[in-house]
Amino acid sequence: MALAAAAAPLGAQAAPPAAPTATLASAPQLPLRDFYTLVLERHPVARQARLLQRQAEAELLAARGGLFDPAAYLLIDRKRFTGKTSYDYLEAGLKAPTPIGIDVKLGFERGRGTSINPEAGTPNSGQFVAGVTIPLARGIITDQRRNAVAQAAALRDQAIGERLGAVNKLLFSAVKEYAGWYETDQRRRIAREGQELAELRARLVRSRFVNGEAAALDTVEAALEVQRRTVARLEADAAFFSATQSVALFLWDADGGPLELVAGTEPALDVPGAERADSARLDQWLLEALRRHPEILKADAKVVRARADRLLAAQGLLPEASLSFSALGSADSMGFWTGPWPDLAGNQKLGFEGKQSLLLMKERGKLGATRAKLESAELDRGLAAREVRLAVAAAAFDLQTFEQVVARQAVAVTQARAMRDGEVRRFESGESTLFVVNLRERLLLDESVKLAAARAKLAGARAALAVALGFPAALPLE
């Protein structure tokens, strides 16, 4: 009968449409998986999270520019007075930094004129320069440029964690609202079918009263039950409408505009077919969570940044010293490039520059601060890992508990239905009263509502486990 259908597993999922937009436009159901996909792809929070990662990628590219990006340069300086050239200086070339801290320079210089600085003077045809600048102490292992790249890479990873964290919270809220929508839909169905049964029974009792087979009090009892269930159905309809509006808040179209649910759209949730969270699978998920949970990613990024700062601060204890060497060659006949390599002993520029603080007060203070910062970041990382473990354990316990609750509540519904059906047969044979039949049926309705609520809580528990693990988009929810 209709009540039995209401108490059976509800909301069998229809075949998913070709696209989520089609689901909202024409299909009578919006399955959880399609709703989940819509939120993940189109919600403004999810879009902003993706922009955050793109911004971090752009900042990493900018930092890498200081480490890998070669630069061309050109300098022209000329002075003429009273028709005479006092000096004419040209310098052009290419400077290229390298990841190991050595700078390479290739260039061309030409300086001539009556007032040219002797240091800038060159043969009339100019000269080519090929040189390197090599750090000798500070800057060998790392420097400001390499530290900037390390910081930007860590910030990129931290941005990924921030993005995943924001998406986690969004999806958790969305699934919780969807579960509430599903529960109100099932309550509405049960209340409506309960009302139909009460109305049917009221008509039968009235007919039996007319035929003299039932007392007048039974008609009052039947009418009262109709009123009770009509009120319950109206309240269920109001709750379903409110839940529908809450779910619609998560729906957006491809252009970033709000997307409305078509009237009559209903949820479709099939929790019993979901992947069970046994101990082996949970252990595997936990290991993955400890590697890619958003809080772990953010904590790891802070540790990496602190280590980079400490390494740079440690380099500050070393003297600032660099050696520059350039080979020079005349531009005549381009011999510097095509002919034999010039005599480096007689055609070179060699320079050395060094500086060292005597007390190293600033450097030692900075190193101590970065060490404390690193220790603090490592402690935060350990705390984050412990919080993830505890959150996963609690969410897994809740999930396994609600799996058992759903299974047992389904048995309770079956038993309540058997009691109601048996009482109906007794009533039809004159061995029971309408009051007892209504009591049995109310019990069945209550147990059916509890089953719907348990299924919704099971979906919420899956969402909670997904958030605790840190990657809900990859965890089967149905």
Protein backbone atom coordinates (compact mmCIF):
# COMPACT_ATOMS: atom_id res chain seq x y z
CA MET A 1 0.00 0.00 0.00
CA ALA A 2 1.00 3.67 -0.18
CA LEU A 3 2.36 3.80 3.37
CA ALA A 4 4.60 0.83 2.74
CA ALA A 5 6.06 2.65 -0.24
CA ALA A 6 6.74 5.66 1.95
CA ALA A 7 8.53 3.58 4.56
CA ALA A 8 10.71 1.72 2.05
CA PRO A 9 14.14 3.09 0.99
CA LEU A 10 13.28 6.46 -0.56
CA GLY A 11 14.64 8.59 -3.34
CA ALA A 12 16.01 5.98 -5.75
CA GLN A 13 18.41 7.92 -7.95
CA ALA A 14 17.44 8.43 -11.55
CA ALA A 15 20.01 8.18 -14.34
CA PRO A 16 22.07 11.39 -14.26
CA PRO A 17 21.41 13.82 -17.09
CA ALA A 18 23.98 14.78 -19.69
CA ALA A 19 24.84 18.03 -17.90
CA PRO A 20 24.00 19.62 -14.57
CA THR A 21 22.25 22.50 -16.31
CA ALA A 22 19.88 20.03 -17.99
CA THR A 23 19.17 18.55 -14.59
CA LEU A 24 17.86 21.88 -13.32
CA ALA A 25 16.03 22.72 -16.50
CA SER A 26 14.06 19.54 -17.15
CA ALA A 27 14.72 16.64 -14.79
CA PRO A 28 12.36 16.13 -11.79
CA GLN A 29 15.31 15.20 -9.59
CA LEU A 30 18.61 16.82 -8.69
CA PRO A 31 20.92 13.97 -7.61
CA LEU A 32 23.52 14.70 -4.95
CA ARG A 33 26.40 14.06 -7.34
CA ASP A 34 25.13 16.66 -9.85
CA PHE A 35 24.46 19.16 -7.07
CA TYR A 36 27.95 18.52 -5.72
CA THR A 37 29.51 19.10 -9.15
CA LEU A 38 27.58 22.33 -9.68
CA VAL A 39 28.74 23.75 -6.36
CA LEU A 40 32.34 22.71 -6.93
CA GLU A 41 32.53 24.22 -10.42
CA ARG A 42 30.32 27.30 -10.27
CA HIS A 43 29.93 28.63 -6.73
CA PRO A 44 31.65 32.03 -6.25
CA VAL A 45 33.63 30.74 -3.27
CA ALA A 46 35.03 27.89 -5.37
CA ARG A 47 35.85 30.30 -8.18
CA GLN A 48 37.57 32.70 -5.78
CA ALA A 49 39.59 29.80 -4.40
CA ARG A 50 40.82 28.96 -7.89
CA LEU A 51 41.77 32.61 -8.42
CA LEU A 52 43.79 32.52 -5.20
CA GLN A 53 45.89 29.69 -6.57
CA ARG A 54 46.31 31.45 -9.92
CA GLN A 55 47.53 34.54 -8.08
CA ALA A 56 50.07 32.46 -6.16
CA GLU A 57 51.27 30.87 -9.41
CA ALA A 58 51.75 34.32 -10.93
CA GLU A 59 53.74 35.48 -7.90
CA LEU A 60 55.95 32.41 -8.18
CA LEU A 61 56.58 33.23 -11.83
CA ALA A 62 57.55 36.77 -10.85
CA ALA A 63 59.99 35.46 -8.24
CA ARG A 64 61.54 33.06 -10.72
CA GLY A 65 62.13 36.00 -13.02
CA GLY A 66 64.83 37.28 -10.68
CA LEU A 67 66.54 33.92 -10.76
CA PHE A 68 66.30 32.85 -14.40
CA ASP A 69 65.28 35.85 -16.48
CA PRO A 70 68.19 37.29 -18.50
CA ALA A 71 68.23 41.03 -19.12
CA ALA A 72 69.53 42.98 -22.11
CA TYR A 73 71.06 46.38 -21.46
CA LEU A 74 72.15 49.33 -23.58
CA LEU A 75 73.98 52.49 -22.63
CA ILE A 76 74.86 55.30 -25.05
CA ASP A 77 76.72 58.37 -23.78
CA ARG A 78 78.09 60.97 -26.20
CA LYS A 79 79.27 64.56 -25.89
CA ARG A 80 80.19 66.98 -28.69
CA PHE A 81 81.37 70.53 -28.14
CA THR A 82 82.56 73.09 -30.66
CA GLY A 83 82.35 70.44 -33.34
CA LYS A 84 84.60 68.03 -31.53
CA THR A 85 83.65 64.73 -29.89
CA SER A 86 84.68 64.87 -26.28
CA TYR A 87 83.63 61.27 -25.68
CA ASP A 88 81.51 58.63 -27.32
CA TYR A 89 80.68 55.62 -25.19
CA LEU A 90 78.53 52.61 -26.08
CA GLU A 91 77.83 49.57 -23.93
CA ALA A 92 75.38 46.79 -24.78
CA GLY A 93 75.01 43.21 -23.77
CA LEU A 94 73.19 40.52 -21.88
CA LYS A 95 73.25 39.67 -18.17
CA ALA A 96 71.94 36.32 -17.04
CA PRO A 97 71.50 35.14 -13.46
CA THR A 98 71.78 31.43 -12.73
CA PRO A 99 70.13 29.23 -10.06
CA ILE A 100 73.51 28.63 -8.42
CA GLY A 101 74.15 32.32 -7.71
CA ILE A 102 76.68 32.96 -10.49
CA ASP A 103 75.92 35.87 -12.82
CA VAL A 104 77.03 35.66 -16.46
CA LYS A 105 77.64 38.68 -18.66
CA LEU A 106 78.16 38.93 -22.41
CA GLY A 107 78.61 42.39 -23.84
CA PHE A 108 80.16 44.86 -26.23
CA GLU A 109 81.91 48.10 -25.22
CA ARG A 110 83.25 50.95 -27.26
CA GLY A 111 84.72 54.11 -25.80
CA ARG A 112 86.59 56.84 -27.67
CA GLY A 113 87.06 60.59 -27.73
CA THR A 114 89.48 63.19 -26.46
CA SER A 115 87.95 63.31 -23.00
CA ILE A 116 87.04 59.67 -22.57
CA ASN A 117 87.80 58.19 -19.18
CA PRO A 118 90.86 56.00 -19.65
CA GLU A 119 89.10 53.16 -17.83
CA ALA A 120 86.33 53.25 -20.42
CA GLY A 121 88.61 53.54 -23.40
CA THR A 122 88.62 50.73 -25.97
CA PRO A 123 90.03 50.10 -29.42
CA ASN A 124 88.25 52.13 -32.08
CA SER A 125 86.39 49.04 -33.23
CA GLY A 126 85.28 48.27 -29.65
CA GLN A 127 85.75 45.16 -27.61
CA PHE A 128 83.71 42.18 -26.54
CA VAL A 129 83.37 41.13 -22.91
CA ALA A 130 82.51 37.70 -21.53
CA GLY A 131 82.57 37.42 -17.76
CA VAL A 132 81.16 35.91 -14.60
CA THR A 133 80.61 37.09 -11.04
CA ILE A 134 81.01 34.34 -8.45
CA PRO A 135 80.07 34.56 -4.77
CA LEU A 136 82.85 33.24 -2.57
CA ALA A 137 81.21 33.02 0.87
CA ARG A 138 77.79 34.53 1.48
CA GLY A 139 75.51 33.61 -1.39
CA ILE A 140 77.08 30.27 -2.30
CA ILE A 141 74.20 28.17 -0.92
CA THR A 142 71.39 30.73 -1.12
CA ASP A 143 70.78 34.42 -1.56
CA GLN A 144 67.90 36.87 -1.68
CA ARG A 145 66.85 35.82 -5.16
CA ARG A 146 66.84 32.09 -4.41
CA ASN A 147 65.12 32.73 -1.10
CA ALA A 148 62.43 34.73 -2.89
CA VAL A 149 61.75 31.78 -5.20
CA ALA A 150 61.59 29.38 -2.25
CA GLN A 151 59.21 31.73 -0.43
CA ALA A 152 57.00 32.11 -3.49
CA ALA A 153 56.88 28.34 -4.05
CA ALA A 154 55.89 27.83 -0.41
CA LEU A 155 53.25 30.55 -0.70
CA ARG A 156 51.93 28.77 -3.78
CA ASP A 157 51.56 25.57 -1.77
CA GLN A 158 50.00 27.54 1.06
CA ALA A 159 47.54 29.06 -1.41
CA ILE A 160 46.63 25.56 -2.58
CA GLY A 161 45.91 24.67 1.04
CA GLU A 162 43.84 27.82 1.47
CA ARG A 163 41.90 27.00 -1.69
CA LEU A 164 41.22 23.42 -0.67
CA GLY A 165 40.23 24.54 2.81
CA ALA A 166 37.73 27.05 1.46
CA VAL A 167 36.29 24.49 -0.94
CA ASN A 168 36.11 21.91 1.87
CA LYS A 169 34.01 24.21 4.04
CA LEU A 170 31.81 25.14 1.09
CA LEU A 171 31.13 21.55 0.08
CA PHE A 172 30.51 20.52 3.68
CA SER A 173 27.88 23.24 4.09
CA ALA A 174 26.36 22.39 0.72
CA VAL A 175 26.04 18.67 1.47
CA LYS A 176 24.60 19.38 4.92
CA GLU A 177 21.94 21.61 3.35
CA TYR A 178 21.26 18.99 0.70
CA ALA A 179 20.86 16.33 3.40
CA GLY A 180 18.38 18.57 5.19
CA TRP A 181 16.55 19.09 1.91
CA TYR A 182 16.38 15.33 1.41
CA GLU A 183 15.07 14.81 4.95
CA THR A 184 12.31 17.41 4.54
CA ASP A 185 11.36 15.88 1.20
CA GLN A 186 10.99 12.45 2.79
CA ARG A 187 9.03 13.90 5.70
CA ARG A 188 6.73 15.58 3.21
CA ARG A 189 6.20 12.35 1.29
CA ILE A 190 5.51 10.37 4.45
CA ALA A 191 3.15 13.03 5.80
CA ARG A 192 1.27 13.22 2.49
CA GLU A 193 0.86 9.46 2.24
CA GLY A 194 -0.16 9.32 5.91
CA GLN A 195 -2.81 11.94 5.22
CA GLU A 196 -4.08 9.98 2.22
CA LEU A 197 -4.34 6.83 4.32
CA ALA A 198 -6.20 8.69 7.07
CA GLU A 199 -8.63 10.18 4.53
CA LEU A 200 -9.20 6.77 2.97
CA ARG A 201 -9.83 5.20 6.35
CA ALA A 202 -12.19 8.06 7.33
CA ARG A 203 -14.29 7.38 4.23
CA LEU A 204 -14.40 3.66 5.02
CA VAL A 205 -15.40 4.30 8.64
CA ARG A 206 -18.09 6.72 7.54
CA SER A 207 -19.44 4.12 5.12
CA ARG A 208 -19.44 1.49 7.87
CA PHE A 209 -21.24 3.92 10.20
CA VAL A 210 -23.93 4.51 7.58
CA ASN A 211 -24.35 0.75 7.27
CA GLY A 212 -24.53 0.42 11.03
CA GLU A 213 -21.23 -1.45 11.32
CA ALA A 214 -19.30 1.26 13.23
CA ALA A 215 -20.01 3.60 16.09
CA ALA A 216 -20.39 7.36 15.63
CA LEU A 217 -17.35 7.88 17.83
CA ASP A 218 -15.24 6.06 15.26
CA THR A 219 -16.10 8.70 12.65
CA VAL A 220 -14.93 11.41 15.05
CA GLU A 221 -11.74 9.46 15.71
CA ALA A 222 -11.12 9.12 11.97
CA ALA A 223 -11.82 12.82 11.30
CA LEU A 224 -9.48 13.85 14.12
CA GLU A 225 -6.73 11.71 12.66
CA VAL A 226 -7.24 13.38 9.27
CA GLN A 227 -6.84 16.79 10.90
CA ARG A 228 -3.69 15.73 12.75
CA ARG A 229 -2.06 14.40 9.61
CA THR A 230 -3.16 17.35 7.50
CA VAL A 231 -1.41 19.69 9.92
CA ALA A 232 1.68 17.46 9.82
CA ARG A 233 1.64 17.53 6.02
CA LEU A 234 1.33 21.36 5.93
CA GLU A 235 4.26 21.71 8.32
CA ALA A 236 6.30 19.27 6.21
CA ASP A 237 5.49 21.25 3.04
CA ALA A 238 6.66 24.48 4.71
CA ALA A 239 9.88 22.84 5.91
CA PHE A 240 10.54 21.45 2.41
CA PHE A 241 10.01 24.88 0.81
CA SER A 242 12.43 26.51 3.27
CA ALA A 243 15.04 23.78 2.69
CA THR A 244 14.66 24.18 -1.07
CA GLN A 245 15.47 27.89 -0.80
CA SER A 246 18.55 27.08 1.31
CA VAL A 247 19.80 24.60 -1.30
CA ALA A 248 19.17 27.08 -4.12
CA LEU A 249 21.63 29.50 -2.49
CA PHE A 250 24.45 27.16 -3.54
CA LEU A 251 23.44 27.02 -7.22
CA TRP A 252 24.99 29.32 -9.83
CA ASP A 253 25.11 29.23 -13.60
CA ALA A 254 28.20 29.14 -15.79
CA ASP A 255 28.21 32.95 -16.12
CA GLY A 256 28.25 33.55 -12.38
CA GLY A 257 24.56 34.37 -12.03
CA PRO A 258 22.19 32.77 -9.51
CA LEU A 259 20.48 29.61 -10.69
CA GLU A 260 16.96 28.83 -9.57
CA LEU A 261 15.53 25.39 -8.98
CA VAL A 262 12.64 24.49 -11.27
CA ALA A 263 9.39 24.01 -9.38
CA GLY A 264 8.93 20.35 -8.53
CA THR A 265 12.64 19.51 -8.42
CA GLU A 266 13.36 16.95 -5.72
CA PRO A 267 16.54 15.53 -4.16
CA ALA A 268 17.77 12.04 -5.00
CA LEU A 269 19.99 10.45 -2.38
CA ASP A 270 21.12 6.84 -2.34
CA VAL A 271 23.25 6.58 0.79
CA PRO A 272 23.08 2.76 1.21
CA GLY A 273 24.98 2.26 -2.04
CA ALA A 274 27.91 4.38 -0.87
CA GLU A 275 31.36 3.00 -0.23
CA ARG A 276 31.62 1.74 3.34
CA ALA A 277 34.29 3.17 5.61
CA ASP A 278 36.02 0.04 6.87
CA SER A 279 39.26 0.16 8.86
CA ALA A 280 41.54 -0.68 5.92
CA ARG A 281 40.05 2.02 3.74
CA LEU A 282 40.17 4.54 6.58
CA ASP A 283 43.86 3.82 7.16
CA GLN A 284 44.54 4.46 3.49
CA TRP A 285 42.53 7.67 3.52
CA LEU A 286 44.27 8.86 6.69
CA LEU A 287 47.72 8.40 5.16
CA GLU A 288 46.59 10.42 2.17
CA ALA A 289 45.08 13.09 4.44
CA LEU A 290 48.36 13.49 6.33
CA ARG A 291 49.98 14.28 3.00
CA ARG A 292 47.44 16.53 1.27
CA HIS A 293 45.01 17.86 3.88
CA PRO A 294 44.65 21.65 3.50
CA GLU A 295 45.84 22.30 7.03
CA ILE A 296 48.84 20.01 6.46
CA LEU A 297 49.67 21.78 3.20
CA LYS A 298 49.53 25.16 4.92
CA ALA A 299 51.63 23.95 7.85
CA ASP A 300 54.20 22.38 5.50
CA ALA A 301 54.40 25.63 3.52
CA LYS A 302 55.11 27.59 6.71
CA VAL A 303 57.86 25.14 7.62
CA VAL A 304 59.43 25.47 4.16
CA ARG A 305 59.33 29.26 4.38
CA ALA A 306 60.87 29.23 7.85
CA ARG A 307 63.65 26.89 6.70
CA ALA A 308 64.42 29.14 3.75
CA ASP A 309 64.62 32.17 6.04
CA ARG A 310 66.87 30.33 8.48
CA LEU A 311 69.20 29.24 5.68
CA LEU A 312 69.41 32.80 4.38
CA ALA A 313 70.07 34.09 7.90
CA ALA A 314 72.82 31.50 8.38
CA GLN A 315 74.44 32.72 5.17
CA GLY A 316 74.51 36.17 6.74
CA LEU A 317 77.22 35.00 9.14
CA LEU A 318 79.59 34.55 6.21
CA PRO A 319 81.54 37.44 4.70
CA GLU A 320 80.17 39.21 1.65
CA ALA A 321 82.76 38.33 -0.94
CA SER A 322 82.56 37.98 -4.69
CA LEU A 323 85.00 37.46 -7.53
CA SER A 324 84.39 38.88 -10.97
CA PHE A 325 86.30 37.88 -14.06
CA SER A 326 85.85 38.98 -17.66
CA ALA A 327 87.70 37.97 -20.80
CA LEU A 328 88.24 40.83 -23.26
CA GLY A 329 88.65 40.65 -26.99
CA SER A 330 88.95 43.19 -29.79
CA ALA A 331 86.05 43.47 -32.17
CA ASP A 332 88.38 43.56 -35.15
CA SER A 333 87.22 40.96 -37.64
CA MET A 334 85.02 39.47 -34.89
CA GLY A 335 88.04 37.46 -33.85
CA PHE A 336 86.79 37.24 -30.31
CA TRP A 337 84.02 34.91 -31.50
CA THR A 338 85.46 33.19 -34.56
CA GLY A 339 89.18 33.28 -34.02
CA PRO A 340 91.39 31.78 -31.32
CA TRP A 341 90.45 32.56 -27.71
CA PRO A 342 92.29 35.72 -26.65
CA ASP A 343 95.19 35.64 -24.32
CA LEU A 344 93.46 35.78 -20.94
CA ALA A 345 96.65 36.75 -19.18
CA GLY A 346 96.80 39.99 -21.13
CA ASN A 347 93.12 40.60 -21.96
CA GLN A 348 91.04 40.41 -18.83
CA LYS A 349 89.29 42.23 -16.05
CA LEU A 350 89.55 40.78 -12.56
CA GLY A 351 87.86 42.12 -9.48
CA PHE A 352 87.30 41.18 -5.89
CA GLU A 353 84.90 42.73 -3.39
CA GLY A 354 84.52 41.80 0.25
CA LYS A 355 82.81 43.06 3.39
CA GLN A 356 82.24 41.60 6.85
CA SER A 357 80.59 42.83 10.02
CA LEU A 358 82.91 42.42 13.00
CA LEU A 359 80.45 41.66 15.80
CA LEU A 360 77.72 40.08 13.67
CA MET A 361 75.08 41.36 16.06
CA LYS A 362 72.44 41.91 13.39
CA GLU A 363 73.19 38.62 11.67
CA ARG A 364 73.21 36.54 14.88
CA GLY A 365 69.97 38.15 16.02
CA LYS A 366 68.29 37.41 12.72
CA LEU A 367 69.50 33.82 12.78
CA GLY A 368 68.13 33.30 16.28
CA ALA A 369 64.77 34.75 15.27
CA THR A 370 64.51 32.52 12.21
CA ARG A 371 65.41 29.45 14.29
CA ALA A 372 62.60 30.24 16.71
CA LYS A 373 60.26 30.81 13.78
CA LEU A 374 61.19 27.43 12.29
CA GLU A 375 60.67 25.62 15.60
CA SER A 376 57.27 27.27 15.97
CA ALA A 377 56.29 26.24 12.43
CA GLU A 378 57.35 22.63 13.07
CA LEU A 379 55.27 22.59 16.26
CA ASP A 380 52.29 23.91 14.30
CA ARG A 381 52.83 21.16 11.76
CA GLY A 382 52.79 18.49 14.45
CA LEU A 383 49.67 20.00 15.98
CA ALA A 384 47.92 20.10 12.59
CA ALA A 385 48.75 16.43 11.98
CA ARG A 386 47.35 15.45 15.37
CA GLU A 387 44.18 17.47 14.80
CA VAL A 388 43.69 15.79 11.42
CA ARG A 389 44.09 12.34 12.98
CA LEU A 390 41.59 13.09 15.74
CA ALA A 391 39.10 14.71 13.35
CA VAL A 392 39.26 11.73 11.00
CA ALA A 393 38.81 9.28 13.88
CA ALA A 394 35.78 11.18 15.19
CA ALA A 395 34.21 11.54 11.74
CA ALA A 396 34.82 7.87 10.96
CA PHE A 397 33.21 6.84 14.24
CA ASP A 398 30.15 8.97 13.47
CA LEU A 399 29.93 7.53 9.97
CA GLN A 400 30.14 3.93 11.15
CA THR A 401 27.57 4.69 13.88
CA PHE A 402 25.07 6.17 11.44
CA GLU A 403 25.57 3.25 9.05
CA GLN A 404 24.45 0.99 11.89
CA VAL A 405 21.61 3.36 12.80
CA VAL A 406 20.28 3.30 9.24
CA ALA A 407 20.43 -0.49 9.09
CA ARG A 408 18.66 -0.92 12.43
CA GLN A 409 16.10 1.79 11.71
CA ALA A 410 15.21 0.07 8.44
CA VAL A 411 14.47 -3.08 10.46
CA ALA A 412 12.36 -0.99 12.87
CA VAL A 413 10.32 0.35 9.96
CA THR A 414 9.73 -3.19 8.69
CA GLN A 415 8.60 -4.30 12.14
CA ALA A 416 6.34 -1.27 12.60
CA ARG A 417 4.76 -1.92 9.22
CA ALA A 418 4.10 -5.54 10.16
CA MET A 419 2.44 -4.43 13.41
CA ARG A 420 0.31 -1.86 11.58
CA ASP A 421 -0.75 -4.33 8.87
CA GLY A 422 -1.64 -6.93 11.48
CA GLU A 423 -3.68 -4.39 13.45
CA VAL A 424 -5.53 -3.38 10.26
CA ARG A 425 -6.48 -7.00 9.67
CA ARG A 426 -7.70 -7.31 13.26
CA PHE A 427 -9.73 -4.12 12.87
CA GLU A 428 -11.31 -5.38 9.66
CA SER A 429 -12.30 -8.60 11.43
CA GLY A 430 -13.75 -6.66 14.37
CA GLU A 431 -11.06 -7.64 16.86
CA SER A 432 -9.48 -4.19 17.24
CA THR A 433 -10.43 -0.53 17.35
CA LEU A 434 -9.71 2.40 15.10
CA PHE A 435 -7.81 4.07 17.95
CA VAL A 436 -5.33 1.19 18.13
CA VAL A 437 -4.96 1.13 14.33
CA ASN A 438 -4.13 4.83 14.36
CA LEU A 439 -1.58 4.30 17.11
CA ARG A 440 0.12 1.57 15.12
CA GLU A 441 0.11 3.71 12.00
CA ARG A 442 1.51 6.71 13.86
CA LEU A 443 4.31 4.47 15.07
CA LEU A 444 5.03 3.43 11.49
CA LEU A 445 5.01 7.06 10.34
CA ASP A 446 7.35 8.05 13.17
CA GLU A 447 9.76 5.21 12.42
CA SER A 448 9.71 6.10 8.72
CA VAL A 449 10.55 9.72 9.55
CA LYS A 450 13.39 8.52 11.78
CA LEU A 451 14.72 6.41 8.91
CA ALA A 452 14.69 9.44 6.58
CA ALA A 453 16.46 11.52 9.24
CA ALA A 454 19.05 8.77 9.74
CA ARG A 455 19.74 8.64 6.00
CA ALA A 456 20.20 12.42 5.96
CA LYS A 457 22.54 12.26 8.96
CA LEU A 458 24.50 9.50 7.23
CA ALA A 459 25.01 11.80 4.23
CA GLY A 460 26.11 14.56 6.60
CA ALA A 461 28.51 12.16 8.31
CA ARG A 462 30.06 11.30 4.96
CA ALA A 463 30.50 15.00 4.25
CA ALA A 464 32.08 15.47 7.68
CA LEU A 465 34.51 12.62 7.02
CA ALA A 466 35.34 14.08 3.62
CA VAL A 467 36.17 17.43 5.20
CA ALA A 468 38.17 15.77 7.98
CA LEU A 469 40.19 13.91 5.36
CA GLY A 470 40.68 17.12 3.42
CA PHE A 471 39.66 16.04 -0.08
CA PRO A 472 35.85 15.78 -0.32
CA ALA A 473 35.84 16.11 -4.09
CA ALA A 474 37.62 12.74 -4.34
CA LEU A 475 35.59 10.87 -1.71
CA PRO A 476 32.46 8.97 -2.87
CA LEU A 477 29.41 10.46 -1.21
CA GLU A 478 26.82 8.23 -2.83
